[in-house]
Amino acid sequence: MNKDVSNFIQKHQLFHHGATVLVGVSGGPDSMALLHYLNTLKGDWGFRIIAITIDHGLRGEQSQQDVNYVKNSCKSWGIELIETTLDVQSYKLNERKGTQVAARELRYLFFEEQMKNFNADYLVLGHHGDDQAETMLMRFVRNANPSLLKGIPIKREFGNGFIVRPFLPITKEDIESYCSDHEIYPRRDPSNNEDIYTRNYFRHKILPLLEDQNPNLHKSLQRLSETISHDEEFLAGETTKLVEKEITFSKDVGRATFKLSSFLQYPFALQRRSFHLILNYLYRTVPNGLYYVHENQFLDLIHSKKPNVTVDFPMGLKLRKTYQNVEFYFHEPPAIPFVHSLPVPGVVTLPNGSTITASLSNDPGEYSKNELVCDVNDIKLPLTIRTRKSGDKIKVRGLNGSKKVKDIFIDQKIPLHLRDHWPLLIDQDGKVIWLVGLKKGNIDRINHSKKFLRIHYEKGNI
């Protein structure tokens, strides 16, 4: 066992010399063997070792006996000890969580607090190869998310340091042998033998069947875990690059948008992963109600041939595709019709922050699609800026007759939700002379006049 663990520590660079090491110790075989093993390394590595034992208040007198056993062992081995009692039952009721989840959350909160108190470098836990196998098999049965199949991490950031698990390359049998060889007589939790718990069922029923076929199953699954972890790390980095480059976030309004044409150039694996990263940005806490079906809805939407699609997600989040734009959003401002008189000269500010400015000049100069310039005598004042009405039409240069504003929106692939916010420039007779920023009427022409009207559109949040 010592050789396997030592090689594992070296391979993954789990520790550095002179580190302050906290060890979670329950009094069971795994944690007692771990504490004893680390204590044998103390001289060569220059460790300061501090054991932490916790009474969760769930097993009455047995829990206190566990604490006393750990206390006596630490005294015998010359190891510092921190002990505490946690009120799991109250936390469970207040947070409305299951017993095991509540105990784990409180335990890790205490661990993190002690990491800071001692400015510790590592929290070392006794998870072993059988724990890894059980975890991976349980996740495989319950969940289709490949990232979860990486199992228990060897090393991860925690508090101001790292959690490390040096016993992952060995089995429960190895640990029991170590305890026997070193005359360690650990405490036993009777609940570990009850198959009513899912993990115990896998431990006692499923794992032995698989180990009959492959006695080195724990090693195979640990290699698989490490392979998946490396792949996940790379893919996570690539996904972050994608999201940072392609996705525009407006976190104050809970909104994320991207251009479909650019997004679809990325591999399918990154498209799928970016969906989950976007949700992590938008939700404060990703709801439990998000399932594989929502991922499929996202993928179906971005690959759909339909120009306009909307999907509802949990907690009021919506996903919308409009032509080449895809948007996640929580709140859609209602389309409120507006009508504003445009003074000449003068300026109008629209509800979305856009501005339309009218001015007079003696020179038409150059102008863009966001400007309309015409002979002042060709236009009937006063002018009005308003949103569209049913049946609106505009006379377009080159056409015999008029074209419906609705059809122009369709031709220009303007998203449905923007059309009722779009400004139209109307003359005295009520005729549409400019679908602002999109299509100009045939009034937009330069004669030999000496006085011109220039109308400039500055886009806001449309």
Foldseek 3Di string as FASTA:
>chain_A
DLVLLVVLCVVVVVDAALFEEEEEDQQALQRVLVVVSVLVCCVVRVYQYEYEYEQAVPPPPLSVVSVVNVVVVCVVSVHHYDYYYHPLVVQCVVVVHDSVVSSVVVVLVVVLVVCVVVVGAEYEYRDELLQQVLQLVVCVVVAPDLLSNLGDDQWDDGRNHIYHHSHHQDDPVVSVVSCVVVVNDTDDDVCLCDVVDPSSVCSPPVVVVVCVVPVNVSNVSNVVSVVSVVVVVVLVVVLVVCCVPFWDDDQVFLKIKGFLVVLVVDDPVSNLVNVVVSQVSRDVDRDPPDGPVVSVVSVCVSPPPDQWDKDADPPQWIWIHQHRMIMIGRDQDDLDKDKDWCDEQDKDAAPQGKMKGKYKAQDQPDDDLQKFKADPVLAADGKMKIADDPPAWAAAPPDDDTDHPVVQCVVVSPGPSCRSRFIFMAGPVRHTQDSGSGGGHPRRDYDPDRMMMMMGIGDGDD
